Amino acid sequence: MQRVEAEKIVASKQAELQELQAKLEEALANLKLQAELDREKNQRKNELDILTHENEVNFRAEEFSAKAEALFQQARNEMNHNQLTSQLIERLPQIAAEMPKIKDLKVFQSDKSDPNLDALSTFIAKIMELTQSWKK
């Protein structure tokens, strides 16, 4: 009987040992799985951080490029304005020489509310231009 009881105790202890071994294997598998999940999570987080930094760098580079292009365009515009001004100043004597000479300065003042008087003054000015062109 003692032997039967001892075998029962051994059998129950073996069953407990197998149960503990199964629990340990399950816990080890869970730990491995959790470690794998943590590693993948960290990897994805690192990839996302890298992508975020790359986007930020690209954005800043494009912003810098746009500012530089705006400065270049402003410089070109100012240079063109300065060049046009200097060319105009250089040609001013030639332009002045080609302008007609003013012989008589005549001022005619009229009331702007009378359209007939305005038409008459325009007609007289055109007749004077015509007669002057005949004199030449």
N, C-alpha and C. Protein backbone atom coordinates (compact mmCIF):
# COMPACT_ATOMS: atom_id res chain seq x y z
N MET A 1 0.78 -1.19 0.00
CA MET A 1 0.00 0.00 0.00
C MET A 1 0.83 1.26 0.00
N GLN A 2 1.86 1.16 0.72
CA GLN A 2 2.72 2.33 0.73
C GLN A 2 3.28 2.58 -0.65
N ARG A 3 3.49 1.50 -1.33
CA ARG A 3 4.04 1.64 -2.66
C ARG A 3 3.00 2.28 -3.56
N VAL A 4 1.76 1.95 -3.45
CA VAL A 4 0.68 2.52 -4.25
C VAL A 4 0.54 4.00 -3.91
N GLU A 5 0.60 4.29 -2.63
CA GLU A 5 0.50 5.69 -2.23
C GLU A 5 1.70 6.47 -2.73
N ALA A 6 2.85 5.89 -2.68
CA ALA A 6 4.05 6.56 -3.16
C ALA A 6 3.95 6.77 -4.67
N GLU A 7 3.42 5.77 -5.39
CA GLU A 7 3.27 5.93 -6.84
C GLU A 7 2.25 7.01 -7.15
N LYS A 8 1.16 7.08 -6.33
CA LYS A 8 0.17 8.14 -6.52
C LYS A 8 0.80 9.51 -6.31
N ILE A 9 1.61 9.60 -5.26
CA ILE A 9 2.27 10.87 -4.96
C ILE A 9 3.24 11.24 -6.08
N VAL A 10 4.00 10.26 -6.55
CA VAL A 10 4.94 10.50 -7.65
C VAL A 10 4.18 10.91 -8.91
N ALA A 11 3.08 10.20 -9.16
CA ALA A 11 2.28 10.52 -10.35
C ALA A 11 1.70 11.92 -10.25
N SER A 12 1.20 12.31 -9.07
CA SER A 12 0.64 13.65 -8.91
C SER A 12 1.73 14.70 -9.02
N LYS A 13 2.90 14.40 -8.46
CA LYS A 13 4.03 15.34 -8.55
C LYS A 13 4.49 15.47 -9.99
N GLN A 14 4.50 14.37 -10.74
CA GLN A 14 4.87 14.43 -12.17
C GLN A 14 3.84 15.25 -12.94
N ALA A 15 2.56 15.07 -12.59
CA ALA A 15 1.51 15.85 -13.26
C ALA A 15 1.68 17.34 -12.94
N GLU A 16 1.99 17.65 -11.67
CA GLU A 16 2.23 19.04 -11.29
C GLU A 16 3.45 19.59 -12.02
N LEU A 17 4.49 18.75 -12.10
CA LEU A 17 5.71 19.15 -12.80
C LEU A 17 5.43 19.42 -14.27
N GLN A 18 4.65 18.56 -14.91
CA GLN A 18 4.30 18.75 -16.32
C GLN A 18 3.44 20.01 -16.50
N GLU A 19 2.54 20.22 -15.53
CA GLU A 19 1.68 21.40 -15.59
C GLU A 19 2.54 22.66 -15.45
N LEU A 20 3.46 22.64 -14.49
CA LEU A 20 4.38 23.77 -14.30
C LEU A 20 5.25 23.98 -15.54
N GLN A 21 5.73 22.86 -16.10
CA GLN A 21 6.57 22.95 -17.30
C GLN A 21 5.77 23.55 -18.46
N ALA A 22 4.49 23.17 -18.61
CA ALA A 22 3.64 23.71 -19.67
C ALA A 22 3.41 25.21 -19.45
N LYS A 23 3.17 25.58 -18.17
CA LYS A 23 2.98 27.00 -17.85
C LYS A 23 4.24 27.81 -18.14
N LEU A 24 5.39 27.23 -17.79
CA LEU A 24 6.66 27.92 -18.06
C LEU A 24 6.90 28.06 -19.56
N GLU A 25 6.60 27.02 -20.32
CA GLU A 25 6.76 27.10 -21.78
C GLU A 25 5.82 28.14 -22.36
N GLU A 26 4.59 28.19 -21.84
CA GLU A 26 3.62 29.18 -22.31
C GLU A 26 4.09 30.61 -21.95
N ALA A 27 4.61 30.76 -20.72
CA ALA A 27 5.11 32.06 -20.28
C ALA A 27 6.31 32.47 -21.14
N LEU A 28 7.19 31.52 -21.46
CA LEU A 28 8.35 31.81 -22.30
C LEU A 28 7.90 32.21 -23.71
N ALA A 29 6.91 31.50 -24.24
CA ALA A 29 6.38 31.84 -25.58
C ALA A 29 5.77 33.24 -25.56
N ASN A 30 5.03 33.54 -24.48
CA ASN A 30 4.43 34.88 -24.34
C ASN A 30 5.50 35.96 -24.26
N LEU A 31 6.57 35.66 -23.51
CA LEU A 31 7.67 36.63 -23.40
C LEU A 31 8.34 36.85 -24.75
N LYS A 32 8.56 35.75 -25.47
CA LYS A 32 9.16 35.88 -26.81
C LYS A 32 8.26 36.70 -27.73
N LEU A 33 6.97 36.42 -27.68
CA LEU A 33 6.01 37.15 -28.51
C LEU A 33 5.98 38.63 -28.13
N GLN A 34 5.95 38.90 -26.82
CA GLN A 34 5.93 40.29 -26.35
C GLN A 34 7.22 41.01 -26.76
N ALA A 35 8.35 40.32 -26.67
CA ALA A 35 9.63 40.92 -27.07
C ALA A 35 9.62 41.23 -28.57
N GLU A 36 9.08 40.30 -29.36
CA GLU A 36 8.98 40.52 -30.82
C GLU A 36 8.07 41.71 -31.11
N LEU A 37 6.92 41.78 -30.42
CA LEU A 37 6.00 42.89 -30.62
C LEU A 37 6.64 44.23 -30.22
N ASP A 38 7.35 44.23 -29.09
CA ASP A 38 8.04 45.44 -28.64
C ASP A 38 9.11 45.88 -29.65
N ARG A 39 9.84 44.91 -30.17
CA ARG A 39 10.88 45.23 -31.15
C ARG A 39 10.27 45.82 -32.41
N GLU A 40 9.17 45.22 -32.90
CA GLU A 40 8.50 45.74 -34.10
C GLU A 40 7.92 47.14 -33.84
N LYS A 41 7.36 47.31 -32.64
CA LYS A 41 6.81 48.63 -32.28
C LYS A 41 7.91 49.70 -32.28
N ASN A 42 9.05 49.36 -31.67
CA ASN A 42 10.16 50.30 -31.64
C ASN A 42 10.70 50.58 -33.05
N GLN A 43 10.77 49.53 -33.85
CA GLN A 43 11.25 49.70 -35.22
C GLN A 43 10.32 50.64 -36.00
N ARG A 44 9.02 50.44 -35.89
CA ARG A 44 8.05 51.30 -36.58
C ARG A 44 8.11 52.73 -36.06
N LYS A 45 8.28 52.86 -34.74
CA LYS A 45 8.40 54.20 -34.16
C LYS A 45 9.64 54.90 -34.70
N ASN A 46 10.75 54.17 -34.78
CA ASN A 46 11.99 54.74 -35.32
C ASN A 46 11.82 55.13 -36.79
N GLU A 47 11.17 54.26 -37.55
CA GLU A 47 10.93 54.58 -38.96
C GLU A 47 10.06 55.82 -39.10
N LEU A 48 9.03 55.92 -38.26
CA LEU A 48 8.16 57.09 -38.28
C LEU A 48 8.92 58.35 -37.87
N ASP A 49 9.78 58.25 -36.88
CA ASP A 49 10.60 59.40 -36.47
C ASP A 49 11.52 59.83 -37.60
N ILE A 50 12.14 58.87 -38.26
CA ILE A 50 13.03 59.18 -39.37
C ILE A 50 12.26 59.86 -40.50
N LEU A 51 11.09 59.33 -40.82
CA LEU A 51 10.25 59.91 -41.87
C LEU A 51 9.82 61.33 -41.50
N THR A 52 9.46 61.52 -40.24
CA THR A 52 9.07 62.86 -39.78
C THR A 52 10.23 63.84 -39.92
N HIS A 53 11.41 63.42 -39.52
CA HIS A 53 12.59 64.30 -39.63
C HIS A 53 12.94 64.57 -41.09
N GLU A 54 12.83 63.55 -41.93
CA GLU A 54 13.08 63.75 -43.36
C GLU A 54 12.10 64.76 -43.95
N ASN A 55 10.82 64.63 -43.59
CA ASN A 55 9.82 65.58 -44.09
C ASN A 55 10.11 66.99 -43.59
N GLU A 56 10.51 67.09 -42.34
CA GLU A 56 10.83 68.42 -41.80
C GLU A 56 12.03 69.03 -42.51
N VAL A 57 13.05 68.22 -42.75
CA VAL A 57 14.23 68.71 -43.46
C VAL A 57 13.86 69.11 -44.89
N ASN A 58 13.06 68.29 -45.56
CA ASN A 58 12.63 68.62 -46.93
C ASN A 58 11.81 69.90 -46.95
N PHE A 59 10.93 70.06 -45.96
CA PHE A 59 10.11 71.27 -45.89
C PHE A 59 10.99 72.50 -45.69
N ARG A 60 11.93 72.39 -44.78
CA ARG A 60 12.83 73.54 -44.53
C ARG A 60 13.70 73.83 -45.75
N ALA A 61 14.13 72.79 -46.45
CA ALA A 61 14.93 73.01 -47.66
C ALA A 61 14.10 73.70 -48.73
N GLU A 62 12.85 73.27 -48.90
CA GLU A 62 11.98 73.92 -49.88
C GLU A 62 11.67 75.35 -49.48
N GLU A 63 11.46 75.57 -48.19
CA GLU A 63 11.21 76.93 -47.69
C GLU A 63 12.42 77.82 -47.95
N PHE A 64 13.62 77.31 -47.67
CA PHE A 64 14.84 78.06 -47.92
C PHE A 64 15.00 78.34 -49.41
N SER A 65 14.71 77.34 -50.23
CA SER A 65 14.81 77.50 -51.67
C SER A 65 13.85 78.57 -52.18
N ALA A 66 12.63 78.56 -51.64
CA ALA A 66 11.63 79.56 -52.05
C ALA A 66 12.07 80.96 -51.64
N LYS A 67 12.62 81.09 -50.42
CA LYS A 67 13.10 82.40 -49.97
C LYS A 67 14.27 82.86 -50.84
N ALA A 68 15.17 81.94 -51.15
CA ALA A 68 16.31 82.29 -51.99
C ALA A 68 15.84 82.72 -53.38
N GLU A 69 14.89 82.00 -53.95
CA GLU A 69 14.37 82.35 -55.28
C GLU A 69 13.69 83.72 -55.23
N ALA A 70 12.96 84.00 -54.15
CA ALA A 70 12.32 85.31 -54.02
C ALA A 70 13.37 86.42 -53.94
N LEU A 71 14.46 86.17 -53.22
CA LEU A 71 15.53 87.17 -53.14
C LEU A 71 16.20 87.36 -54.50
N PHE A 72 16.44 86.27 -55.22
CA PHE A 72 17.03 86.38 -56.56
C PHE A 72 16.11 87.17 -57.48
N GLN A 73 14.80 86.88 -57.42
CA GLN A 73 13.85 87.59 -58.28
C GLN A 73 13.81 89.07 -57.92
N GLN A 74 13.84 89.37 -56.63
CA GLN A 74 13.85 90.77 -56.20
C GLN A 74 15.11 91.47 -56.71
N ALA A 75 16.24 90.78 -56.63
CA ALA A 75 17.49 91.36 -57.13
C ALA A 75 17.41 91.60 -58.64
N ARG A 76 16.84 90.62 -59.38
CA ARG A 76 16.69 90.80 -60.83
C ARG A 76 15.77 91.96 -61.14
N ASN A 77 14.66 92.08 -60.38
CA ASN A 77 13.73 93.18 -60.61
C ASN A 77 14.39 94.53 -60.33
N GLU A 78 15.13 94.62 -59.23
CA GLU A 78 15.81 95.87 -58.92
C GLU A 78 16.88 96.17 -59.95
N MET A 79 17.58 95.14 -60.39
CA MET A 79 18.61 95.35 -61.38
C MET A 79 17.97 95.84 -62.68
N ASN A 80 16.86 95.25 -63.09
CA ASN A 80 16.18 95.69 -64.30
C ASN A 80 15.69 97.12 -64.15
N HIS A 81 15.15 97.47 -62.99
CA HIS A 81 14.68 98.83 -62.74
C HIS A 81 15.85 99.81 -62.81
N ASN A 82 16.95 99.43 -62.17
CA ASN A 82 18.14 100.30 -62.18
C ASN A 82 18.70 100.42 -63.60
N GLN A 83 18.72 99.32 -64.33
CA GLN A 83 19.21 99.39 -65.71
C GLN A 83 18.33 100.26 -66.57
N LEU A 84 17.02 100.11 -66.44
CA LEU A 84 16.09 100.94 -67.21
C LEU A 84 16.26 102.41 -66.87
N THR A 85 16.41 102.70 -65.59
CA THR A 85 16.59 104.09 -65.16
C THR A 85 17.88 104.65 -65.73
N SER A 86 18.96 103.89 -65.66
CA SER A 86 20.24 104.39 -66.19
C SER A 86 20.18 104.57 -67.70
N GLN A 87 19.50 103.65 -68.40
CA GLN A 87 19.36 103.81 -69.86
C GLN A 87 18.53 105.03 -70.20
N LEU A 88 17.48 105.29 -69.44
CA LEU A 88 16.65 106.46 -69.68
C LEU A 88 17.44 107.74 -69.43
N ILE A 89 18.22 107.74 -68.37
CA ILE A 89 19.04 108.92 -68.08
C ILE A 89 20.05 109.16 -69.19
N GLU A 90 20.64 108.10 -69.72
CA GLU A 90 21.61 108.23 -70.81
C GLU A 90 20.95 108.79 -72.07
N ARG A 91 19.69 108.42 -72.31
CA ARG A 91 19.01 108.84 -73.55
C ARG A 91 18.26 110.16 -73.41
N LEU A 92 18.17 110.70 -72.20
CA LEU A 92 17.41 111.94 -72.01
C LEU A 92 17.88 113.08 -72.92
N PRO A 93 19.17 113.33 -73.09
CA PRO A 93 19.58 114.42 -73.99
C PRO A 93 19.10 114.19 -75.43
N GLN A 94 19.16 112.95 -75.89
CA GLN A 94 18.71 112.63 -77.25
C GLN A 94 17.20 112.84 -77.37
N ILE A 95 16.46 112.42 -76.37
CA ILE A 95 15.00 112.59 -76.38
C ILE A 95 14.66 114.07 -76.38
N ALA A 96 15.35 114.83 -75.55
CA ALA A 96 15.09 116.27 -75.48
C ALA A 96 15.41 116.96 -76.80
N ALA A 97 16.45 116.50 -77.48
CA ALA A 97 16.83 117.11 -78.75
C ALA A 97 15.79 116.84 -79.83
N GLU A 98 15.11 115.71 -79.75
CA GLU A 98 14.12 115.37 -80.77
C GLU A 98 12.74 115.96 -80.50
N MET A 99 12.55 116.54 -79.34
CA MET A 99 11.25 117.14 -79.03
C MET A 99 11.09 118.45 -79.78
N PRO A 100 9.86 118.80 -80.17
CA PRO A 100 9.67 120.06 -80.90
C PRO A 100 9.95 121.26 -79.98
N LYS A 101 10.44 122.31 -80.59
CA LYS A 101 10.75 123.53 -79.85
C LYS A 101 9.46 124.29 -79.57
N ILE A 102 9.37 124.82 -78.39
CA ILE A 102 8.21 125.61 -78.02
C ILE A 102 8.53 127.06 -78.36
N LYS A 103 7.78 127.61 -79.33
CA LYS A 103 8.01 129.00 -79.73
C LYS A 103 7.12 129.94 -78.94
N ASP A 104 5.88 129.63 -78.88
CA ASP A 104 4.94 130.47 -78.14
C ASP A 104 4.16 129.59 -77.20
N LEU A 105 4.01 130.07 -76.01
CA LEU A 105 3.22 129.36 -75.03
C LEU A 105 1.92 130.11 -74.86
N LYS A 106 0.85 129.48 -75.25
CA LYS A 106 -0.45 130.13 -75.19
C LYS A 106 -1.33 129.34 -74.22
N VAL A 107 -1.97 130.08 -73.37
CA VAL A 107 -2.85 129.46 -72.39
C VAL A 107 -4.25 129.95 -72.66
N PHE A 108 -5.16 129.03 -72.72
CA PHE A 108 -6.55 129.36 -72.96
C PHE A 108 -7.36 128.73 -71.84
N GLN A 109 -7.97 129.55 -71.05
CA GLN A 109 -8.77 129.04 -69.94
C GLN A 109 -10.23 129.12 -70.32
N SER A 110 -10.93 128.08 -69.98
CA SER A 110 -12.36 128.06 -70.28
C SER A 110 -13.10 127.38 -69.15
N ASP A 111 -14.37 127.57 -69.20
CA ASP A 111 -15.24 126.92 -68.22
C ASP A 111 -15.46 125.49 -68.69
N LYS A 112 -15.18 124.53 -67.85
CA LYS A 112 -15.26 123.13 -68.27
C LYS A 112 -16.69 122.63 -68.41
N SER A 113 -17.64 123.44 -68.01
CA SER A 113 -19.02 122.98 -68.12
C SER A 113 -19.58 123.18 -69.53
N ASP A 114 -18.86 123.89 -70.40
CA ASP A 114 -19.34 124.16 -71.76
C ASP A 114 -18.63 123.24 -72.74
N PRO A 115 -19.28 122.19 -73.25
CA PRO A 115 -18.61 121.26 -74.17
C PRO A 115 -18.33 121.90 -75.54
N ASN A 116 -19.13 122.87 -75.95
CA ASN A 116 -18.89 123.53 -77.24
C ASN A 116 -17.57 124.29 -77.23
N LEU A 117 -17.28 124.93 -76.12
CA LEU A 117 -16.03 125.68 -76.01
C LEU A 117 -14.83 124.74 -76.04
N ASP A 118 -14.97 123.56 -75.39
CA ASP A 118 -13.90 122.55 -75.43
C ASP A 118 -13.68 122.04 -76.85
N ALA A 119 -14.74 121.82 -77.57
CA ALA A 119 -14.63 121.35 -78.95
C ALA A 119 -13.98 122.42 -79.81
N LEU A 120 -14.34 123.69 -79.59
CA LEU A 120 -13.75 124.79 -80.35
C LEU A 120 -12.26 124.91 -80.09
N SER A 121 -11.87 124.79 -78.81
CA SER A 121 -10.44 124.91 -78.49
C SER A 121 -9.66 123.75 -79.10
N THR A 122 -10.21 122.58 -79.13
CA THR A 122 -9.55 121.43 -79.76
C THR A 122 -9.42 121.66 -81.26
N PHE A 123 -10.47 122.19 -81.88
CA PHE A 123 -10.45 122.47 -83.31
C PHE A 123 -9.39 123.51 -83.65
N ILE A 124 -9.30 124.56 -82.84
CA ILE A 124 -8.31 125.62 -83.08
C ILE A 124 -6.90 125.06 -82.93
N ALA A 125 -6.67 124.22 -81.94
CA ALA A 125 -5.34 123.63 -81.73
C ALA A 125 -4.95 122.78 -82.92
N LYS A 126 -5.88 122.03 -83.48
CA LYS A 126 -5.57 121.19 -84.64
C LYS A 126 -5.29 122.03 -85.87
N ILE A 127 -6.03 123.12 -86.05
CA ILE A 127 -5.78 124.01 -87.19
C ILE A 127 -4.40 124.64 -87.06
N MET A 128 -4.01 125.01 -85.84
CA MET A 128 -2.68 125.62 -85.64
C MET A 128 -1.59 124.59 -85.97
N GLU A 129 -1.77 123.35 -85.57
CA GLU A 129 -0.79 122.30 -85.89
C GLU A 129 -0.68 122.10 -87.39
N LEU A 130 -1.82 122.13 -88.05
CA LEU A 130 -1.84 121.94 -89.50
C LEU A 130 -1.10 123.07 -90.19
N THR A 131 -1.34 124.29 -89.79
CA THR A 131 -0.68 125.43 -90.44
C THR A 131 0.82 125.41 -90.18
N GLN A 132 1.20 124.96 -88.99
CA GLN A 132 2.63 124.91 -88.70
C GLN A 132 3.31 123.83 -89.53
N SER A 133 2.62 122.74 -89.78
CA SER A 133 3.23 121.69 -90.59
C SER A 133 3.37 122.15 -92.04
N TRP A 134 2.52 123.05 -92.52
CA TRP A 134 2.64 123.58 -93.88
C TRP A 134 3.84 124.53 -93.99
N LYS A 135 4.15 125.22 -92.89
CA LYS A 135 5.25 126.19 -92.90
C LYS A 135 6.58 125.48 -93.07
N LYS A 136 6.67 124.26 -92.64
CA LYS A 136 7.94 123.54 -92.70
C LYS A 136 8.18 123.10 -94.07
